[in-house]
Structures are given as structure tokens and as C-alpha cells.
Amino acid sequence: MHKEVRKAVDEARRAGFTVRELSGHTWGHIECSCGAHVKVFSTGRNPENGARLIRRFVEQHRKHV
């Protein structure tokens, strides 16, 4: 997994979100207590965009944790 994506996943974990690891192209997903989730791709074309999506999800759902 790209270092920017790994940093974003670690930030989500520290913020209290549930991180579930899967196998395959989708490395896993990050879950909010409201039921929403965002996929984490292990081999995305643009890892910086993937990290940005994770951070945006965390910001939008921070109030639910």
C-alpha cells in the first residue's frame, strides 16, 4: 500500500473509525458508526487521490464517532 494511503488509514484508525482488511484489489474499507464506509484500494492509479478520499470521509463522519 502506498505510504500516503497508509498514513490516511492510520489517521482514520486513530480517530476511532473501524478499519477492516480484505483481500484483493480492495485492501479493505473504513467504517463509520453510522453505517457508511469508504473503500481502500491497494493498487490505485493515483494514491494521493485515494488518501484524499479517506481523509474527506473521516472529516465528514468525525461527528459520528
PDB file of N, CA and C in Angstrom:
ATOM      1  N   MET A   1       0.848  -1.168   0.000  1.00  0.00           N
ATOM      2  CA  MET A   1       0.000   0.000   0.000  1.00  0.00           C
ATOM      3  C   MET A   1       0.899   1.239   0.000  1.00  0.00           C
ATOM      4  N   HIS A   2       0.497   2.242  -0.731  1.00  0.00           N
ATOM      5  CA  HIS A   2       1.250   3.487  -0.845  1.00  0.00           C
ATOM      6  C   HIS A   2       1.317   4.192   0.509  1.00  0.00           C
ATOM      7  N   LYS A   3       2.417   4.880   0.768  1.00  0.00           N
ATOM      8  CA  LYS A   3       2.618   5.487   2.087  1.00  0.00           C
ATOM      9  C   LYS A   3       1.578   6.553   2.415  1.00  0.00           C
ATOM     10  N   GLU A   4       1.097   7.310   1.430  1.00  0.00           N
ATOM     11  CA  GLU A   4       0.073   8.327   1.697  1.00  0.00           C
ATOM     12  C   GLU A   4      -1.249   7.680   2.098  1.00  0.00           C
ATOM     13  N   VAL A   5      -1.591   6.592   1.441  1.00  0.00           N
ATOM     14  CA  VAL A   5      -2.820   5.873   1.782  1.00  0.00           C
ATOM     15  C   VAL A   5      -2.676   5.266   3.169  1.00  0.00           C
ATOM     16  N   ARG A   6      -1.523   4.679   3.459  1.00  0.00           N
ATOM     17  CA  ARG A   6      -1.289   4.092   4.786  1.00  0.00           C
ATOM     18  C   ARG A   6      -1.414   5.154   5.876  1.00  0.00           C
ATOM     19  N   LYS A   7      -0.863   6.351   5.634  1.00  0.00           N
ATOM     20  CA  LYS A   7      -0.973   7.433   6.617  1.00  0.00           C
ATOM     21  C   LYS A   7      -2.429   7.819   6.843  1.00  0.00           C
ATOM     22  N   ALA A   8      -3.213   7.897   5.765  1.00  0.00           N
ATOM     23  CA  ALA A   8      -4.626   8.262   5.885  1.00  0.00           C
ATOM     24  C   ALA A   8      -5.398   7.187   6.652  1.00  0.00           C
ATOM     25  N   VAL A   9      -5.086   5.919   6.404  1.00  0.00           N
ATOM     26  CA  VAL A   9      -5.740   4.821   7.126  1.00  0.00           C
ATOM     27  C   VAL A   9      -5.378   4.888   8.607  1.00  0.00           C
ATOM     28  N   ASP A  10      -4.119   5.156   8.915  1.00  0.00           N
ATOM     29  CA  ASP A  10      -3.693   5.281  10.313  1.00  0.00           C
ATOM     30  C   ASP A  10      -4.402   6.442  11.002  1.00  0.00           C
ATOM     31  N   GLU A  11      -4.578   7.558  10.292  1.00  0.00           N
ATOM     32  CA  GLU A  11      -5.293   8.711  10.852  1.00  0.00           C
ATOM     33  C   GLU A  11      -6.743   8.337  11.161  1.00  0.00           C
ATOM     34  N   ALA A  12      -7.373   7.595  10.252  1.00  0.00           N
ATOM     35  CA  ALA A  12      -8.758   7.170  10.473  1.00  0.00           C
ATOM     36  C   ALA A  12      -8.849   6.249  11.686  1.00  0.00           C
ATOM     37  N   ARG A  13      -7.900   5.342  11.808  1.00  0.00           N
ATOM     38  CA  ARG A  13      -7.886   4.406  12.940  1.00  0.00           C
ATOM     39  C   ARG A  13      -7.723   5.177  14.255  1.00  0.00           C
ATOM     40  N   ARG A  14      -6.813   6.140  14.283  1.00  0.00           N
ATOM     41  CA  ARG A  14      -6.600   6.950  15.489  1.00  0.00           C
ATOM     42  C   ARG A  14      -7.822   7.803  15.826  1.00  0.00           C
ATOM     43  N   ALA A  15      -8.597   8.184  14.801  1.00  0.00           N
ATOM     44  CA  ALA A  15      -9.796   9.000  15.017  1.00  0.00           C
ATOM     45  C   ALA A  15     -10.972   8.162  15.523  1.00  0.00           C
ATOM     46  N   GLY A  16     -10.810   6.831  15.568  1.00  0.00           N
ATOM     47  CA  GLY A  16     -11.841   5.970  16.121  1.00  0.00           C
ATOM     48  C   GLY A  16     -12.676   5.212  15.109  1.00  0.00           C
ATOM     49  N   PHE A  17     -12.314   5.287  13.840  1.00  0.00           N
ATOM     50  CA  PHE A  17     -13.045   4.559  12.808  1.00  0.00           C
ATOM     51  C   PHE A  17     -12.597   3.103  12.793  1.00  0.00           C
ATOM     52  N   THR A  18     -13.481   2.225  12.343  1.00  0.00           N
ATOM     53  CA  THR A  18     -13.165   0.808  12.219  1.00  0.00           C
ATOM     54  C   THR A  18     -12.516   0.565  10.865  1.00  0.00           C
ATOM     55  N   VAL A  19     -11.362  -0.086  10.873  1.00  0.00           N
ATOM     56  CA  VAL A  19     -10.655  -0.410   9.633  1.00  0.00           C
ATOM     57  C   VAL A  19     -10.719  -1.918   9.454  1.00  0.00           C
ATOM     58  N   ARG A  20     -11.341  -2.351   8.369  1.00  0.00           N
ATOM     59  CA  ARG A  20     -11.463  -3.781   8.074  1.00  0.00           C
ATOM     60  C   ARG A  20     -10.602  -4.115   6.862  1.00  0.00           C
ATOM     61  N   GLU A  21      -9.714  -5.071   7.055  1.00  0.00           N
ATOM     62  CA  GLU A  21      -8.851  -5.508   5.955  1.00  0.00           C
ATOM     63  C   GLU A  21      -9.532  -6.626   5.181  1.00  0.00           C
ATOM     64  N   LEU A  22      -9.470  -6.532   3.865  1.00  0.00           N
ATOM     65  CA  LEU A  22      -9.997  -7.550   2.964  1.00  0.00           C
ATOM     66  C   LEU A  22      -8.831  -8.071   2.136  1.00  0.00           C
ATOM     67  N   SER A  23      -9.113  -8.801   1.092  1.00  0.00           N
ATOM     68  CA  SER A  23      -8.041  -9.246   0.207  1.00  0.00           C
ATOM     69  C   SER A  23      -8.394  -8.866  -1.216  1.00  0.00           C
ATOM     70  N   GLY A  24      -7.391  -8.768  -2.052  1.00  0.00           N
ATOM     71  CA  GLY A  24      -7.615  -8.420  -3.451  1.00  0.00           C
ATOM     72  C   GLY A  24      -7.305  -6.961  -3.734  1.00  0.00           C
ATOM     73  N   HIS A  25      -7.874  -6.461  -4.828  1.00  0.00           N
ATOM     74  CA  HIS A  25      -7.621  -5.077  -5.243  1.00  0.00           C
ATOM     75  C   HIS A  25      -8.091  -4.092  -4.176  1.00  0.00           C
ATOM     76  N   THR A  26      -9.222  -4.410  -3.543  1.00  0.00           N
ATOM     77  CA  THR A  26      -9.695  -3.583  -2.439  1.00  0.00           C
ATOM     78  C   THR A  26      -8.999  -4.076  -1.183  1.00  0.00           C
ATOM     79  N   TRP A  27      -8.066  -3.298  -0.658  1.00  0.00           N
ATOM     80  CA  TRP A  27      -7.311  -3.686   0.524  1.00  0.00           C
ATOM     81  C   TRP A  27      -8.238  -3.840   1.717  1.00  0.00           C
ATOM     82  N   GLY A  28      -9.248  -2.984   1.786  1.00  0.00           N
ATOM     83  CA  GLY A  28     -10.187  -3.025   2.900  1.00  0.00           C
ATOM     84  C   GLY A  28     -11.140  -1.855   2.823  1.00  0.00           C
ATOM     85  N   HIS A  29     -11.803  -1.577   3.944  1.00  0.00           N
ATOM     86  CA  HIS A  29     -12.620  -0.380   3.998  1.00  0.00           C
ATOM     87  C   HIS A  29     -12.639   0.180   5.407  1.00  0.00           C
ATOM     88  N   ILE A  30     -12.991   1.461   5.474  1.00  0.00           N
ATOM     89  CA  ILE A  30     -13.067   2.184   6.735  1.00  0.00           C
ATOM     90  C   ILE A  30     -14.539   2.421   7.010  1.00  0.00           C
ATOM     91  N   GLU A  31     -14.975   2.029   8.198  1.00  0.00           N
ATOM     92  CA  GLU A  31     -16.389   2.117   8.546  1.00  0.00           C
ATOM     93  C   GLU A  31     -16.633   3.188   9.595  1.00  0.00           C
ATOM     94  N   CYS A  32     -17.759   3.859   9.434  1.00  0.00           N
ATOM     95  CA  CYS A  32     -18.235   4.827  10.412  1.00  0.00           C
ATOM     96  C   CYS A  32     -19.330   4.151  11.234  1.00  0.00           C
ATOM     97  N   SER A  33     -19.573   4.631  12.428  1.00  0.00           N
ATOM     98  CA  SER A  33     -20.624   4.045  13.263  1.00  0.00           C
ATOM     99  C   SER A  33     -22.016   4.285  12.686  1.00  0.00           C
ATOM    100  N   CYS A  34     -22.166   5.233  11.741  1.00  0.00           N
ATOM    101  CA  CYS A  34     -23.470   5.487  11.115  1.00  0.00           C
ATOM    102  C   CYS A  34     -23.774   4.463  10.024  1.00  0.00           C
ATOM    103  N   GLY A  35     -22.811   3.597   9.692  1.00  0.00           N
ATOM    104  CA  GLY A  35     -23.016   2.571   8.680  1.00  0.00           C
ATOM    105  C   GLY A  35     -22.352   2.870   7.349  1.00  0.00           C
ATOM    106  N   ALA A  36     -21.895   4.094   7.164  1.00  0.00           N
ATOM    107  CA  ALA A  36     -21.217   4.451   5.915  1.00  0.00           C
ATOM    108  C   ALA A  36     -19.806   3.867   5.917  1.00  0.00           C
ATOM    109  N   HIS A  37     -19.266   3.652   4.721  1.00  0.00           N
ATOM    110  CA  HIS A  37     -17.893   3.173   4.623  1.00  0.00           C
ATOM    111  C   HIS A  37     -17.263   3.686   3.336  1.00  0.00           C
ATOM    112  N   VAL A  38     -15.942   3.662   3.319  1.00  0.00           N
ATOM    113  CA  VAL A  38     -15.183   4.047   2.134  1.00  0.00           C
ATOM    114  C   VAL A  38     -14.190   2.923   1.846  1.00  0.00           C
ATOM    115  N   LYS A  39     -14.050   2.575   0.567  1.00  0.00           N
ATOM    116  CA  LYS A  39     -13.119   1.515   0.176  1.00  0.00           C
ATOM    117  C   LYS A  39     -11.693   2.049   0.155  1.00  0.00           C
ATOM    118  N   VAL A  40     -10.761   1.169   0.515  1.00  0.00           N
ATOM    119  CA  VAL A  40      -9.335   1.490   0.468  1.00  0.00           C
ATOM    120  C   VAL A  40      -8.715   0.554  -0.561  1.00  0.00           C
ATOM    121  N   PHE A  41      -8.197   1.128  -1.642  1.00  0.00           N
ATOM    122  CA  PHE A  41      -7.611   0.332  -2.711  1.00  0.00           C
ATOM    123  C   PHE A  41      -6.105   0.207  -2.512  1.00  0.00           C
ATOM    124  N   SER A  42      -5.593  -0.995  -2.703  1.00  0.00           N
ATOM    125  CA  SER A  42      -4.161  -1.232  -2.513  1.00  0.00           C
ATOM    126  C   SER A  42      -3.360  -0.867  -3.749  1.00  0.00           C
ATOM    127  N   THR A  43      -4.000  -0.844  -4.900  1.00  0.00           N
ATOM    128  CA  THR A  43      -3.264  -0.593  -6.141  1.00  0.00           C
ATOM    129  C   THR A  43      -3.968   0.466  -6.984  1.00  0.00           C
ATOM    130  N   GLY A  44      -4.311   1.563  -6.377  1.00  0.00           N
ATOM    131  CA  GLY A  44      -4.980   2.625  -7.120  1.00  0.00           C
ATOM    132  C   GLY A  44      -4.036   3.314  -8.092  1.00  0.00           C
ATOM    133  N   ARG A  45      -4.606   3.916  -9.127  1.00  0.00           N
ATOM    134  CA  ARG A  45      -3.796   4.613 -10.123  1.00  0.00           C
ATOM    135  C   ARG A  45      -3.135   5.857  -9.541  1.00  0.00           C
ATOM    136  N   ASN A  46      -3.882   6.548  -8.679  1.00  0.00           N
ATOM    137  CA  ASN A  46      -3.373   7.774  -8.082  1.00  0.00           C
ATOM    138  C   ASN A  46      -3.554   7.679  -6.565  1.00  0.00           C
ATOM    139  N   PRO A  47      -2.539   7.216  -5.845  1.00  0.00           N
ATOM    140  CA  PRO A  47      -2.677   7.002  -4.404  1.00  0.00           C
ATOM    141  C   PRO A  47      -2.963   8.278  -3.618  1.00  0.00           C
ATOM    142  N   GLU A  48      -2.499   9.428  -4.113  1.00  0.00           N
ATOM    143  CA  GLU A  48      -2.764  10.685  -3.413  1.00  0.00           C
ATOM    144  C   GLU A  48      -4.262  10.975  -3.395  1.00  0.00           C
ATOM    145  N   ASN A  49      -4.950  10.681  -4.511  1.00  0.00           N
ATOM    146  CA  ASN A  49      -6.405  10.868  -4.545  1.00  0.00           C
ATOM    147  C   ASN A  49      -7.097   9.913  -3.581  1.00  0.00           C
ATOM    148  N   GLY A  50      -6.612   8.683  -3.495  1.00  0.00           N
ATOM    149  CA  GLY A  50      -7.181   7.722  -2.558  1.00  0.00           C
ATOM    150  C   GLY A  50      -7.044   8.197  -1.121  1.00  0.00           C
ATOM    151  N   ALA A  51      -5.877   8.727  -0.785  1.00  0.00           N
ATOM    152  CA  ALA A  51      -5.648   9.249   0.559  1.00  0.00           C
ATOM    153  C   ALA A  51      -6.561  10.442   0.826  1.00  0.00           C
ATOM    154  N   ARG A  52      -6.743  11.289  -0.174  1.00  0.00           N
ATOM    155  CA  ARG A  52      -7.608  12.461  -0.019  1.00  0.00           C
ATOM    156  C   ARG A  52      -9.064  12.032   0.220  1.00  0.00           C
ATOM    157  N   LEU A  53      -9.522  10.995  -0.492  1.00  0.00           N
ATOM    158  CA  LEU A  53     -10.885  10.492  -0.285  1.00  0.00           C
ATOM    159  C   LEU A  53     -11.081   9.960   1.136  1.00  0.00           C
ATOM    160  N   ILE A  54     -10.079   9.256   1.640  1.00  0.00           N
ATOM    161  CA  ILE A  54     -10.158   8.723   3.005  1.00  0.00           C
ATOM    162  C   ILE A  54     -10.222   9.864   4.007  1.00  0.00           C
ATOM    163  N   ARG A  55      -9.364  10.857   3.835  1.00  0.00           N
ATOM    164  CA  ARG A  55      -9.345  11.995   4.767  1.00  0.00           C
ATOM    165  C   ARG A  55     -10.659  12.781   4.719  1.00  0.00           C
ATOM    166  N   ARG A  56     -11.224  12.931   3.526  1.00  0.00           N
ATOM    167  CA  ARG A  56     -12.506  13.635   3.392  1.00  0.00           C
ATOM    168  C   ARG A  56     -13.614  12.851   4.103  1.00  0.00           C
ATOM    169  N   PHE A  57     -13.613  11.531   3.943  1.00  0.00           N
ATOM    170  CA  PHE A  57     -14.600  10.687   4.618  1.00  0.00           C
ATOM    171  C   PHE A  57     -14.483  10.851   6.132  1.00  0.00           C
ATOM    172  N   VAL A  58     -13.261  10.816   6.646  1.00  0.00           N
ATOM    173  CA  VAL A  58     -13.036  10.954   8.085  1.00  0.00           C
ATOM    174  C   VAL A  58     -13.549  12.309   8.564  1.00  0.00           C
ATOM    175  N   GLU A  59     -13.257  13.372   7.834  1.00  0.00           N
ATOM    176  CA  GLU A  59     -13.705  14.712   8.216  1.00  0.00           C
ATOM    177  C   GLU A  59     -15.230  14.792   8.225  1.00  0.00           C
ATOM    178  N   GLN A  60     -15.878  14.223   7.216  1.00  0.00           N
ATOM    179  CA  GLN A  60     -17.335  14.299   7.106  1.00  0.00           C
ATOM    180  C   GLN A  60     -18.048  13.460   8.160  1.00  0.00           C
ATOM    181  N   HIS A  61     -17.403  12.408   8.646  1.00  0.00           N
ATOM    182  CA  HIS A  61     -18.055  11.492   9.583  1.00  0.00           C
ATOM    183  C   HIS A  61     -17.469  11.560  10.991  1.00  0.00           C
ATOM    184  N   ARG A  62     -16.595  12.487  11.247  1.00  0.00           N
ATOM    185  CA  ARG A  62     -15.947  12.593  12.563  1.00  0.00           C
ATOM    186  C   ARG A  62     -16.974  12.750  13.688  1.00  0.00           C
ATOM    187  N   LYS A  63     -18.075  13.451  13.410  1.00  0.00           N
ATOM    188  CA  LYS A  63     -19.087  13.696  14.448  1.00  0.00           C
ATOM    189  C   LYS A  63     -19.836  12.425  14.859  1.00  0.00           C
ATOM    190  N   HIS A  64     -19.776  11.371  14.055  1.00  0.00           N
ATOM    191  CA  HIS A  64     -20.478  10.122  14.358  1.00  0.00           C
ATOM    192  C   HIS A  64     -19.673   9.196  15.259  1.00  0.00           C
ATOM    193  N   VAL A  65     -18.390   9.427  15.348  1.00  0.00           N
ATOM    194  CA  VAL A  65     -17.522   8.509  16.098  1.00  0.00           C
ATOM    195  C   VAL A  65     -17.542   8.858  17.566  1.00  0.00           C
TER     196      VAL A  65
END
